[in-house]
Structure formats: C-alpha cells, structure tokens
Amino acid sequence: IYADKAEKDGFPNVARLFTAVSFAEWIHAQNHFRELRNVGGD
C-alpha cells in the first residue's frame, strides 16, 4: 500500500524499495508459517 502511495507522490525509488521489502516480509511470513506446519487449530 505504501509503495502505491509513494508512486502517486512522485517517489518511484521509494515505491520500488517498499515493493522489494514487501517481498522480503512475505518470505519471512512464509518461513514462520512453514515452521508451524504441524501446529493445527485456530
């Protein structure tokens, strides 16, 4: 969301940075989730 806002505000490099770090955060979430694969429930 911040990447879209940065693009609209005229900061394409900030938008690119937010997009790249967003991908890194997705990787972190995947890695954490993978370790929970045998933990079921809500």
PDB file of all heavy atoms in Angstrom:
ATOM      1  N   ILE A   1       0.844  -1.199   0.000  1.00  0.00           N
ATOM      2  CA  ILE A   1       0.000   0.000   0.000  1.00  0.00           C
ATOM      3  C   ILE A   1       0.876   1.246   0.000  1.00  0.00           C
ATOM      4  O   ILE A   1       0.614   2.205  -0.746  1.00  0.00           O
ATOM      5  CB  ILE A   1      -0.956  -0.019   1.214  1.00  0.00           C
ATOM      6  CG1 ILE A   1      -1.973  -1.157   1.066  1.00  0.00           C
ATOM      7  CG2 ILE A   1      -1.640   1.332   1.407  1.00  0.00           C
ATOM      8  CD1 ILE A   1      -2.759  -1.472   2.327  1.00  0.00           C
ATOM      9  N   TYR A   2       1.937   1.251   0.818  1.00  0.00           N
ATOM     10  CA  TYR A   2       2.848   2.390   0.868  1.00  0.00           C
ATOM     11  C   TYR A   2       3.581   2.574  -0.457  1.00  0.00           C
ATOM     12  O   TYR A   2       3.882   3.713  -0.836  1.00  0.00           O
ATOM     13  CB  TYR A   2       3.856   2.233   2.006  1.00  0.00           C
ATOM     14  CG  TYR A   2       3.276   2.365   3.400  1.00  0.00           C
ATOM     15  CD1 TYR A   2       4.065   2.093   4.505  1.00  0.00           C
ATOM     16  CD2 TYR A   2       1.962   2.762   3.635  1.00  0.00           C
ATOM     17  CE1 TYR A   2       3.568   2.213   5.798  1.00  0.00           C
ATOM     18  CE2 TYR A   2       1.460   2.868   4.917  1.00  0.00           C
ATOM     19  CZ  TYR A   2       2.262   2.598   5.993  1.00  0.00           C
ATOM     20  OH  TYR A   2       1.773   2.719   7.274  1.00  0.00           O
ATOM     21  N   ALA A   3       3.855   1.496  -1.161  1.00  0.00           N
ATOM     22  CA  ALA A   3       4.507   1.597  -2.479  1.00  0.00           C
ATOM     23  C   ALA A   3       3.591   2.345  -3.452  1.00  0.00           C
ATOM     24  O   ALA A   3       4.050   3.228  -4.195  1.00  0.00           O
ATOM     25  CB  ALA A   3       4.853   0.212  -3.023  1.00  0.00           C
ATOM     26  N   ASP A   4       2.314   1.999  -3.445  1.00  0.00           N
ATOM     27  CA  ASP A   4       1.359   2.700  -4.324  1.00  0.00           C
ATOM     28  C   ASP A   4       1.305   4.186  -3.992  1.00  0.00           C
ATOM     29  O   ASP A   4       1.282   5.032  -4.892  1.00  0.00           O
ATOM     30  CB  ASP A   4      -0.041   2.095  -4.185  1.00  0.00           C
ATOM     31  CG  ASP A   4      -0.155   0.700  -4.772  1.00  0.00           C
ATOM     32  OD1 ASP A   4       0.734   0.292  -5.555  1.00  0.00           O
ATOM     33  OD2 ASP A   4      -1.138   0.004  -4.429  1.00  0.00           O
ATOM     34  N   LYS A   5       1.296   4.507  -2.705  1.00  0.00           N
ATOM     35  CA  LYS A   5       1.244   5.916  -2.277  1.00  0.00           C
ATOM     36  C   LYS A   5       2.515   6.655  -2.690  1.00  0.00           C
ATOM     37  O   LYS A   5       2.453   7.792  -3.179  1.00  0.00           O
ATOM     38  CB  LYS A   5       1.046   5.975  -0.749  1.00  0.00           C
ATOM     39  CG  LYS A   5       1.080   7.370  -0.159  1.00  0.00           C
ATOM     40  CD  LYS A   5      -0.107   8.203  -0.555  1.00  0.00           C
ATOM     41  CE  LYS A   5      -0.144   9.472   0.287  1.00  0.00           C
ATOM     42  NZ  LYS A   5      -0.535  10.628  -0.474  1.00  0.00           N
ATOM     43  N   ALA A   6       3.678   6.018  -2.506  1.00  0.00           N
ATOM     44  CA  ALA A   6       4.944   6.652  -2.895  1.00  0.00           C
ATOM     45  C   ALA A   6       4.964   6.929  -4.397  1.00  0.00           C
ATOM     46  O   ALA A   6       5.431   7.989  -4.831  1.00  0.00           O
ATOM     47  CB  ALA A   6       6.127   5.776  -2.492  1.00  0.00           C
ATOM     48  N   GLU A   7       4.470   5.999  -5.176  1.00  0.00           N
ATOM     49  CA  GLU A   7       4.410   6.191  -6.642  1.00  0.00           C
ATOM     50  C   GLU A   7       3.537   7.403  -6.963  1.00  0.00           C
ATOM     51  O   GLU A   7       3.923   8.268  -7.759  1.00  0.00           O
ATOM     52  CB  GLU A   7       3.856   4.926  -7.296  1.00  0.00           C
ATOM     53  CG  GLU A   7       3.989   4.900  -8.796  1.00  0.00           C
ATOM     54  CD  GLU A   7       5.416   4.707  -9.277  1.00  0.00           C
ATOM     55  OE1 GLU A   7       6.128   3.849  -8.734  1.00  0.00           O
ATOM     56  OE2 GLU A   7       5.810   5.444 -10.214  1.00  0.00           O
ATOM     57  N   LYS A   8       2.366   7.501  -6.332  1.00  0.00           N
ATOM     58  CA  LYS A   8       1.459   8.623  -6.558  1.00  0.00           C
ATOM     59  C   LYS A   8       2.064   9.940  -6.092  1.00  0.00           C
ATOM     60  O   LYS A   8       1.781  10.994  -6.661  1.00  0.00           O
ATOM     61  CB  LYS A   8       0.127   8.385  -5.854  1.00  0.00           C
ATOM     62  CG  LYS A   8      -0.704   7.315  -6.512  1.00  0.00           C
ATOM     63  CD  LYS A   8      -1.960   7.026  -5.728  1.00  0.00           C
ATOM     64  CE  LYS A   8      -2.668   5.834  -6.339  1.00  0.00           C
ATOM     65  NZ  LYS A   8      -3.648   5.242  -5.440  1.00  0.00           N
ATOM     66  N   ASP A   9       2.892   9.890  -5.034  1.00  0.00           N
ATOM     67  CA  ASP A   9       3.536  11.089  -4.507  1.00  0.00           C
ATOM     68  C   ASP A   9       4.761  11.514  -5.310  1.00  0.00           C
ATOM     69  O   ASP A   9       5.395  12.515  -4.980  1.00  0.00           O
ATOM     70  CB  ASP A   9       3.949  10.878  -3.045  1.00  0.00           C
ATOM     71  CG  ASP A   9       2.775  10.896  -2.080  1.00  0.00           C
ATOM     72  OD1 ASP A   9       1.641  11.212  -2.491  1.00  0.00           O
ATOM     73  OD2 ASP A   9       2.999  10.572  -0.887  1.00  0.00           O
ATOM     74  N   GLY A  10       5.130  10.732  -6.341  1.00  0.00           N
ATOM     75  CA  GLY A  10       6.273  11.086  -7.178  1.00  0.00           C
ATOM     76  C   GLY A  10       7.612  10.588  -6.672  1.00  0.00           C
ATOM     77  O   GLY A  10       8.648  11.178  -6.980  1.00  0.00           O
ATOM     78  N   PHE A  11       7.594   9.494  -5.910  1.00  0.00           N
ATOM     79  CA  PHE A  11       8.823   8.895  -5.390  1.00  0.00           C
ATOM     80  C   PHE A  11       8.952   7.451  -5.892  1.00  0.00           C
ATOM     81  O   PHE A  11       8.751   6.502  -5.129  1.00  0.00           O
ATOM     82  CB  PHE A  11       8.836   8.928  -3.854  1.00  0.00           C
ATOM     83  CG  PHE A  11       8.801  10.312  -3.264  1.00  0.00           C
ATOM     84  CD1 PHE A  11       7.653  10.800  -2.677  1.00  0.00           C
ATOM     85  CD2 PHE A  11       9.936  11.130  -3.310  1.00  0.00           C
ATOM     86  CE1 PHE A  11       7.611  12.070  -2.121  1.00  0.00           C
ATOM     87  CE2 PHE A  11       9.910  12.402  -2.754  1.00  0.00           C
ATOM     88  CZ  PHE A  11       8.748  12.878  -2.164  1.00  0.00           C
ATOM     89  N   PRO A  12       9.280   7.272  -7.174  1.00  0.00           N
ATOM     90  CA  PRO A  12       9.329   5.913  -7.732  1.00  0.00           C
ATOM     91  C   PRO A  12      10.383   5.018  -7.082  1.00  0.00           C
ATOM     92  O   PRO A  12      10.177   3.803  -6.980  1.00  0.00           O
ATOM     93  CB  PRO A  12       9.618   6.128  -9.220  1.00  0.00           C
ATOM     94  CG  PRO A  12      10.185   7.508  -9.319  1.00  0.00           C
ATOM     95  CD  PRO A  12       9.583   8.288  -8.191  1.00  0.00           C
ATOM     96  N   ASN A  13      11.490   5.587  -6.649  1.00  0.00           N
ATOM     97  CA  ASN A  13      12.502   4.746  -5.997  1.00  0.00           C
ATOM     98  C   ASN A  13      12.045   4.289  -4.614  1.00  0.00           C
ATOM     99  O   ASN A  13      12.343   3.165  -4.196  1.00  0.00           O
ATOM    100  CB  ASN A  13      13.853   5.455  -5.912  1.00  0.00           C
ATOM    101  CG  ASN A  13      14.543   5.485  -7.253  1.00  0.00           C
ATOM    102  OD1 ASN A  13      14.323   4.636  -8.117  1.00  0.00           O
ATOM    103  ND2 ASN A  13      15.387   6.486  -7.451  1.00  0.00           N
ATOM    104  N   VAL A  14      11.318   5.138  -3.907  1.00  0.00           N
ATOM    105  CA  VAL A  14      10.753   4.728  -2.623  1.00  0.00           C
ATOM    106  C   VAL A  14       9.709   3.641  -2.869  1.00  0.00           C
ATOM    107  O   VAL A  14       9.647   2.652  -2.125  1.00  0.00           O
ATOM    108  CB  VAL A  14      10.148   5.924  -1.853  1.00  0.00           C
ATOM    109  CG1 VAL A  14       9.453   5.449  -0.577  1.00  0.00           C
ATOM    110  CG2 VAL A  14      11.215   6.954  -1.526  1.00  0.00           C
ATOM    111  N   ALA A  15       8.920   3.789  -3.913  1.00  0.00           N
ATOM    112  CA  ALA A  15       7.928   2.765  -4.258  1.00  0.00           C
ATOM    113  C   ALA A  15       8.619   1.434  -4.534  1.00  0.00           C
ATOM    114  O   ALA A  15       8.162   0.378  -4.067  1.00  0.00           O
ATOM    115  CB  ALA A  15       7.112   3.204  -5.466  1.00  0.00           C
ATOM    116  N   ARG A  16       9.712   1.483  -5.261  1.00  0.00           N
ATOM    117  CA  ARG A  16      10.471   0.258  -5.565  1.00  0.00           C
ATOM    118  C   ARG A  16      11.039  -0.358  -4.291  1.00  0.00           C
ATOM    119  O   ARG A  16      11.012  -1.581  -4.113  1.00  0.00           O
ATOM    120  CB  ARG A  16      11.587   0.608  -6.553  1.00  0.00           C
ATOM    121  CG  ARG A  16      12.340  -0.557  -7.085  1.00  0.00           C
ATOM    122  CD  ARG A  16      13.164  -0.174  -8.315  1.00  0.00           C
ATOM    123  NE  ARG A  16      13.963   1.021  -8.171  1.00  0.00           N
ATOM    124  CZ  ARG A  16      15.219   1.032  -7.728  1.00  0.00           C
ATOM    125  NH1 ARG A  16      15.812  -0.086  -7.387  1.00  0.00           N
ATOM    126  NH2 ARG A  16      15.882   2.171  -7.648  1.00  0.00           N
ATOM    127  N   LEU A  17      11.517   0.480  -3.382  1.00  0.00           N
ATOM    128  CA  LEU A  17      12.040  -0.013  -2.110  1.00  0.00           C
ATOM    129  C   LEU A  17      10.932  -0.673  -1.290  1.00  0.00           C
ATOM    130  O   LEU A  17      11.106  -1.787  -0.777  1.00  0.00           O
ATOM    131  CB  LEU A  17      12.680   1.128  -1.311  1.00  0.00           C
ATOM    132  CG  LEU A  17      13.187   0.776   0.082  1.00  0.00           C
ATOM    133  CD1 LEU A  17      14.268  -0.303   0.012  1.00  0.00           C
ATOM    134  CD2 LEU A  17      13.709   2.028   0.779  1.00  0.00           C
ATOM    135  N   PHE A  18       9.781  -0.010  -1.168  1.00  0.00           N
ATOM    136  CA  PHE A  18       8.671  -0.608  -0.430  1.00  0.00           C
ATOM    137  C   PHE A  18       8.259  -1.949  -1.058  1.00  0.00           C
ATOM    138  O   PHE A  18       7.964  -2.909  -0.346  1.00  0.00           O
ATOM    139  CB  PHE A  18       7.457   0.334  -0.393  1.00  0.00           C
ATOM    140  CG  PHE A  18       7.449   1.313   0.741  1.00  0.00           C
ATOM    141  CD1 PHE A  18       7.258   2.670   0.499  1.00  0.00           C
ATOM    142  CD2 PHE A  18       7.591   0.903   2.063  1.00  0.00           C
ATOM    143  CE1 PHE A  18       7.221   3.587   1.539  1.00  0.00           C
ATOM    144  CE2 PHE A  18       7.562   1.807   3.116  1.00  0.00           C
ATOM    145  CZ  PHE A  18       7.370   3.155   2.857  1.00  0.00           C
ATOM    146  N   THR A  19       8.245  -2.022  -2.381  1.00  0.00           N
ATOM    147  CA  THR A  19       7.869  -3.268  -3.063  1.00  0.00           C
ATOM    148  C   THR A  19       8.873  -4.379  -2.778  1.00  0.00           C
ATOM    149  O   THR A  19       8.477  -5.520  -2.499  1.00  0.00           O
ATOM    150  CB  THR A  19       7.742  -3.021  -4.579  1.00  0.00           C
ATOM    151  OG1 THR A  19       6.748  -2.012  -4.799  1.00  0.00           O
ATOM    152  CG2 THR A  19       7.350  -4.286  -5.313  1.00  0.00           C
ATOM    153  N   ALA A  20      10.158  -4.062  -2.828  1.00  0.00           N
ATOM    154  CA  ALA A  20      11.189  -5.063  -2.552  1.00  0.00           C
ATOM    155  C   ALA A  20      11.108  -5.558  -1.118  1.00  0.00           C
ATOM    156  O   ALA A  20      11.144  -6.772  -0.860  1.00  0.00           O
ATOM    157  CB  ALA A  20      12.578  -4.482  -2.842  1.00  0.00           C
ATOM    158  N   VAL A  21      10.962  -4.639  -0.177  1.00  0.00           N
ATOM    159  CA  VAL A  21      10.903  -5.041   1.236  1.00  0.00           C
ATOM    160  C   VAL A  21       9.600  -5.796   1.514  1.00  0.00           C
ATOM    161  O   VAL A  21       9.590  -6.738   2.313  1.00  0.00           O
ATOM    162  CB  VAL A  21      11.105  -3.832   2.170  1.00  0.00           C
ATOM    163  CG1 VAL A  21      10.911  -4.234   3.626  1.00  0.00           C
ATOM    164  CG2 VAL A  21      12.494  -3.229   1.966  1.00  0.00           C
ATOM    165  N   SER A  22       8.537  -5.433   0.821  1.00  0.00           N
ATOM    166  CA  SER A  22       7.293  -6.193   0.947  1.00  0.00           C
ATOM    167  C   SER A  22       7.531  -7.658   0.590  1.00  0.00           C
ATOM    168  O   SER A  22       7.033  -8.571   1.272  1.00  0.00           O
ATOM    169  CB  SER A  22       6.218  -5.592   0.037  1.00  0.00           C
ATOM    170  OG  SER A  22       5.070  -6.404   0.021  1.00  0.00           O
ATOM    171  N   PHE A  23       8.298  -7.903  -0.461  1.00  0.00           N
ATOM    172  CA  PHE A  23       8.632  -9.277  -0.851  1.00  0.00           C
ATOM    173  C   PHE A  23       9.432  -9.970   0.251  1.00  0.00           C
ATOM    174  O   PHE A  23       9.171 -11.129   0.585  1.00  0.00           O
ATOM    175  CB  PHE A  23       9.415  -9.268  -2.179  1.00  0.00           C
ATOM    176  CG  PHE A  23       9.846 -10.626  -2.634  1.00  0.00           C
ATOM    177  CD1 PHE A  23       8.924 -11.609  -2.957  1.00  0.00           C
ATOM    178  CD2 PHE A  23      11.194 -10.918  -2.759  1.00  0.00           C
ATOM    179  CE1 PHE A  23       9.338 -12.873  -3.386  1.00  0.00           C
ATOM    180  CE2 PHE A  23      11.622 -12.172  -3.187  1.00  0.00           C
ATOM    181  CZ  PHE A  23      10.685 -13.153  -3.499  1.00  0.00           C
ATOM    182  N   ALA A  24      10.380  -9.261   0.848  1.00  0.00           N
ATOM    183  CA  ALA A  24      11.173  -9.844   1.937  1.00  0.00           C
ATOM    184  C   ALA A  24      10.278 -10.206   3.121  1.00  0.00           C
ATOM    185  O   ALA A  24      10.454 -11.274   3.737  1.00  0.00           O
ATOM    186  CB  ALA A  24      12.269  -8.872   2.377  1.00  0.00           C
ATOM    187  N   GLU A  25       9.318  -9.347   3.443  1.00  0.00           N
ATOM    188  CA  GLU A  25       8.417  -9.627   4.562  1.00  0.00           C
ATOM    189  C   GLU A  25       7.544 -10.840   4.255  1.00  0.00           C
ATOM    190  O   GLU A  25       7.243 -11.647   5.151  1.00  0.00           O
ATOM    191  CB  GLU A  25       7.550  -8.401   4.887  1.00  0.00           C
ATOM    192  CG  GLU A  25       8.304  -7.117   5.149  1.00  0.00           C
ATOM    193  CD  GLU A  25       9.242  -7.121   6.349  1.00  0.00           C
ATOM    194  OE1 GLU A  25       9.486  -8.179   6.957  1.00  0.00           O
ATOM    195  OE2 GLU A  25       9.735  -6.036   6.688  1.00  0.00           O
ATOM    196  N   TRP A  26       7.144 -10.996   3.006  1.00  0.00           N
ATOM    197  CA  TRP A  26       6.373 -12.170   2.584  1.00  0.00           C
ATOM    198  C   TRP A  26       7.207 -13.442   2.784  1.00  0.00           C
ATOM    199  O   TRP A  26       6.688 -14.458   3.259  1.00  0.00           O
ATOM    200  CB  TRP A  26       5.965 -11.992   1.124  1.00  0.00           C
ATOM    201  CG  TRP A  26       5.197 -13.126   0.529  1.00  0.00           C
ATOM    202  CD1 TRP A  26       3.921 -13.501   0.838  1.00  0.00           C
ATOM    203  CD2 TRP A  26       5.657 -14.020  -0.478  1.00  0.00           C
ATOM    204  NE1 TRP A  26       3.566 -14.584   0.067  1.00  0.00           N
ATOM    205  CE2 TRP A  26       4.596 -14.921  -0.747  1.00  0.00           C
ATOM    206  CE3 TRP A  26       6.847 -14.139  -1.186  1.00  0.00           C
ATOM    207  CZ2 TRP A  26       4.711 -15.928  -1.696  1.00  0.00           C
ATOM    208  CZ3 TRP A  26       6.951 -15.142  -2.129  1.00  0.00           C
ATOM    209  CH2 TRP A  26       5.904 -16.022  -2.377  1.00  0.00           C
ATOM    210  N   ILE A  27       8.496 -13.369   2.458  1.00  0.00           N
ATOM    211  CA  ILE A  27       9.389 -14.511   2.676  1.00  0.00           C
ATOM    212  C   ILE A  27       9.483 -14.836   4.164  1.00  0.00           C
ATOM    213  O   ILE A  27       9.411 -15.999   4.562  1.00  0.00           O
ATOM    214  CB  ILE A  27      10.779 -14.243   2.071  1.00  0.00           C
ATOM    215  CG1 ILE A  27      10.678 -14.201   0.555  1.00  0.00           C
ATOM    216  CG2 ILE A  27      11.792 -15.291   2.522  1.00  0.00           C
ATOM    217  CD1 ILE A  27      11.881 -13.601  -0.126  1.00  0.00           C
ATOM    218  N   HIS A  28       9.632 -13.809   5.005  1.00  0.00           N
ATOM    219  CA  HIS A  28       9.686 -14.039   6.453  1.00  0.00           C
ATOM    220  C   HIS A  28       8.401 -14.726   6.930  1.00  0.00           C
ATOM    221  O   HIS A  28       8.452 -15.692   7.708  1.00  0.00           O
ATOM    222  CB  HIS A  28       9.866 -12.735   7.227  1.00  0.00           C
ATOM    223  CG  HIS A  28      11.116 -12.017   6.886  1.00  0.00           C
ATOM    224  ND1 HIS A  28      11.280 -10.676   7.141  1.00  0.00           N
ATOM    225  CD2 HIS A  28      12.277 -12.419   6.316  1.00  0.00           C
ATOM    226  CE1 HIS A  28      12.476 -10.291   6.735  1.00  0.00           C
ATOM    227  NE2 HIS A  28      13.097 -11.338   6.228  1.00  0.00           N
ATOM    228  N   ALA A  29       7.253 -14.216   6.474  1.00  0.00           N
ATOM    229  CA  ALA A  29       5.972 -14.816   6.871  1.00  0.00           C
ATOM    230  C   ALA A  29       5.899 -16.273   6.425  1.00  0.00           C
ATOM    231  O   ALA A  29       5.481 -17.143   7.203  1.00  0.00           O
ATOM    232  CB  ALA A  29       4.807 -14.009   6.289  1.00  0.00           C
ATOM    233  N   GLN A  30       6.318 -16.554   5.210  1.00  0.00           N
ATOM    234  CA  GLN A  30       6.319 -17.939   4.718  1.00  0.00           C
ATOM    235  C   GLN A  30       7.213 -18.831   5.578  1.00  0.00           C
ATOM    236  O   GLN A  30       6.832 -19.956   5.911  1.00  0.00           O
ATOM    237  CB  GLN A  30       6.844 -18.006   3.291  1.00  0.00           C
ATOM    238  CG  GLN A  30       5.874 -17.638   2.227  1.00  0.00           C
ATOM    239  CD  GLN A  30       6.468 -17.924   0.869  1.00  0.00           C
ATOM    240  OE1 GLN A  30       7.587 -17.518   0.560  1.00  0.00           O
ATOM    241  NE2 GLN A  30       5.737 -18.620   0.045  1.00  0.00           N
ATOM    242  N   ASN A  31       8.387 -18.345   5.907  1.00  0.00           N
ATOM    243  CA  ASN A  31       9.317 -19.139   6.720  1.00  0.00           C
ATOM    244  C   ASN A  31       8.737 -19.426   8.102  1.00  0.00           C
ATOM    245  O   ASN A  31       8.846 -20.547   8.605  1.00  0.00           O
ATOM    246  CB  ASN A  31      10.671 -18.443   6.835  1.00  0.00           C
ATOM    247  CG  ASN A  31      11.457 -18.483   5.548  1.00  0.00           C
ATOM    248  OD1 ASN A  31      11.201 -19.286   4.654  1.00  0.00           O
ATOM    249  ND2 ASN A  31      12.429 -17.591   5.424  1.00  0.00           N
ATOM    250  N   HIS A  32       8.114 -18.417   8.722  1.00  0.00           N
ATOM    251  CA  HIS A  32       7.496 -18.620  10.031  1.00  0.00           C
ATOM    252  C   HIS A  32       6.336 -19.614   9.916  1.00  0.00           C
ATOM    253  O   HIS A  32       6.202 -20.524  10.741  1.00  0.00           O
ATOM    254  CB  HIS A  32       6.990 -17.303  10.620  1.00  0.00           C
ATOM    255  CG  HIS A  32       8.049 -16.266  10.845  1.00  0.00           C
ATOM    256  ND1 HIS A  32       9.361 -16.561  11.142  1.00  0.00           N
ATOM    257  CD2 HIS A  32       7.977 -14.909  10.823  1.00  0.00           C
ATOM    258  CE1 HIS A  32      10.044 -15.449  11.293  1.00  0.00           C
ATOM    259  NE2 HIS A  32       9.226 -14.428  11.104  1.00  0.00           N
ATOM    260  N   PHE A  33       5.516 -19.452   8.886  1.00  0.00           N
ATOM    261  CA  PHE A  33       4.370 -20.335   8.684  1.00  0.00           C
ATOM    262  C   PHE A  33       4.827 -21.780   8.452  1.00  0.00           C
ATOM    263  O   PHE A  33       4.215 -22.723   8.967  1.00  0.00           O
ATOM    264  CB  PHE A  33       3.528 -19.840   7.501  1.00  0.00           C
ATOM    265  CG  PHE A  33       2.193 -20.514   7.376  1.00  0.00           C
ATOM    266  CD1 PHE A  33       1.114 -20.065   8.115  1.00  0.00           C
ATOM    267  CD2 PHE A  33       2.010 -21.586   6.515  1.00  0.00           C
ATOM    268  CE1 PHE A  33      -0.126 -20.678   7.999  1.00  0.00           C
ATOM    269  CE2 PHE A  33       0.778 -22.205   6.399  1.00  0.00           C
ATOM    270  CZ  PHE A  33      -0.295 -21.750   7.142  1.00  0.00           C
ATOM    271  N   ARG A  34       5.879 -21.938   7.691  1.00  0.00           N
ATOM    272  CA  ARG A  34       6.420 -23.276   7.406  1.00  0.00           C
ATOM    273  C   ARG A  34       6.782 -24.004   8.704  1.00  0.00           C
ATOM    274  O   ARG A  34       6.557 -25.207   8.829  1.00  0.00           O
ATOM    275  CB  ARG A  34       7.644 -23.164   6.500  1.00  0.00           C
ATOM    276  CG  ARG A  34       8.156 -24.495   5.992  1.00  0.00           C
ATOM    277  CD  ARG A  34       9.314 -24.325   5.000  1.00  0.00           C
ATOM    278  NE  ARG A  34       8.900 -23.538   3.840  1.00  0.00           N
ATOM    279  CZ  ARG A  34       9.388 -22.338   3.515  1.00  0.00           C
ATOM    280  NH1 ARG A  34      10.328 -21.773   4.244  1.00  0.00           N
ATOM    281  NH2 ARG A  34       8.953 -21.700   2.453  1.00  0.00           N
ATOM    282  N   GLU A  35       7.313 -23.271   9.672  1.00  0.00           N
ATOM    283  CA  GLU A  35       7.674 -23.898  10.944  1.00  0.00           C
ATOM    284  C   GLU A  35       6.437 -24.268  11.768  1.00  0.00           C
ATOM    285  O   GLU A  35       6.526 -25.078  12.683  1.00  0.00           O
ATOM    286  CB  GLU A  35       8.611 -22.996  11.752  1.00  0.00           C
ATOM    287  CG  GLU A  35       9.948 -22.790  11.101  1.00  0.00           C
ATOM    288  CD  GLU A  35      10.622 -24.079  10.661  1.00  0.00           C
ATOM    289  OE1 GLU A  35      10.596 -25.072  11.432  1.00  0.00           O
ATOM    290  OE2 GLU A  35      11.164 -24.122   9.539  1.00  0.00           O
ATOM    291  N   LEU A  36       5.293 -23.703  11.421  1.00  0.00           N
ATOM    292  CA  LEU A  36       4.043 -24.006  12.122  1.00  0.00           C
ATOM    293  C   LEU A  36       3.227 -25.088  11.416  1.00  0.00           C
ATOM    294  O   LEU A  36       2.093 -25.361  11.804  1.00  0.00           O
ATOM    295  CB  LEU A  36       3.190 -22.731  12.232  1.00  0.00           C
ATOM    296  CG  LEU A  36       3.738 -21.638  13.131  1.00  0.00           C
ATOM    297  CD1 LEU A  36       3.020 -20.318  12.862  1.00  0.00           C
ATOM    298  CD2 LEU A  36       3.616 -22.049  14.585  1.00  0.00           C
ATOM    299  N   ARG A  37       3.787 -25.692  10.388  1.00  0.00           N
ATOM    300  CA  ARG A  37       3.021 -26.618   9.546  1.00  0.00           C
ATOM    301  C   ARG A  37       2.400 -27.783  10.323  1.00  0.00           C
ATOM    302  O   ARG A  37       1.390 -28.332   9.891  1.00  0.00           O
ATOM    303  CB  ARG A  37       3.870 -27.133   8.392  1.00  0.00           C
ATOM    304  CG  ARG A  37       5.038 -28.009   8.806  1.00  0.00           C
ATOM    305  CD  ARG A  37       5.930 -28.364   7.603  1.00  0.00           C
ATOM    306  NE  ARG A  37       7.180 -28.954   8.015  1.00  0.00           N
ATOM    307  CZ  ARG A  37       8.276 -28.285   8.364  1.00  0.00           C
ATOM    308  NH1 ARG A  37       8.274 -26.968   8.336  1.00  0.00           N
ATOM    309  NH2 ARG A  37       9.364 -28.915   8.720  1.00  0.00           N
ATOM    310  N   ASN A  38       2.957 -28.169  11.445  1.00  0.00           N
ATOM    311  CA  ASN A  38       2.409 -29.271  12.236  1.00  0.00           C
ATOM    312  C   ASN A  38       1.592 -28.802  13.427  1.00  0.00           C
ATOM    313  O   ASN A  38       1.214 -29.609  14.272  1.00  0.00           O
ATOM    314  CB  ASN A  38       3.549 -30.183  12.723  1.00  0.00           C
ATOM    315  CG  ASN A  38       4.261 -30.851  11.560  1.00  0.00           C
ATOM    316  OD1 ASN A  38       3.636 -31.237  10.574  1.00  0.00           O
ATOM    317  ND2 ASN A  38       5.567 -30.957  11.662  1.00  0.00           N
ATOM    318  N   VAL A  39       1.333 -27.503  13.493  1.00  0.00           N
ATOM    319  CA  VAL A  39       0.538 -26.933  14.584  1.00  0.00           C
ATOM    320  C   VAL A  39      -0.824 -26.581  14.006  1.00  0.00           C
ATOM    321  O   VAL A  39      -0.941 -25.660  13.209  1.00  0.00           O
ATOM    322  CB  VAL A  39       1.216 -25.676  15.176  1.00  0.00           C
ATOM    323  CG1 VAL A  39       0.350 -25.059  16.265  1.00  0.00           C
ATOM    324  CG2 VAL A  39       2.606 -26.004  15.688  1.00  0.00           C
ATOM    325  N   GLY A  40      -1.841 -27.350  14.389  1.00  0.00           N
ATOM    326  CA  GLY A  40      -3.178 -27.104  13.865  1.00  0.00           C
ATOM    327  C   GLY A  40      -4.030 -26.339  14.850  1.00  0.00           C
ATOM    328  O   GLY A  40      -3.711 -26.245  16.040  1.00  0.00           O
ATOM    329  N   GLY A  41      -5.108 -25.784  14.347  1.00  0.00           N
ATOM    330  CA  GLY A  41      -6.060 -25.106  15.214  1.00  0.00           C
ATOM    331  C   GLY A  41      -6.223 -23.641  14.876  1.00  0.00           C
ATOM    332  O   GLY A  41      -5.553 -23.116  13.991  1.00  0.00           O
ATOM    333  N   ASP A  42      -7.116 -23.018  15.580  1.00  0.00           N
ATOM    334  CA  ASP A  42      -7.384 -21.596  15.420  1.00  0.00           C
ATOM    335  C   ASP A  42      -6.844 -20.868  16.640  1.00  0.00           C
ATOM    336  O   ASP A  42      -7.031 -21.313  17.771  1.00  0.00           O
ATOM    337  CB  ASP A  42      -8.892 -21.344  15.306  1.00  0.00           C
ATOM    338  CG  ASP A  42      -9.498 -22.025  14.090  1.00  0.00           C
ATOM    339  OD1 ASP A  42      -8.844 -22.030  13.041  1.00  0.00           O
ATOM    340  OD2 ASP A  42     -10.620 -22.557  14.207  1.00  0.00           O
TER     341      ASP A  42
END
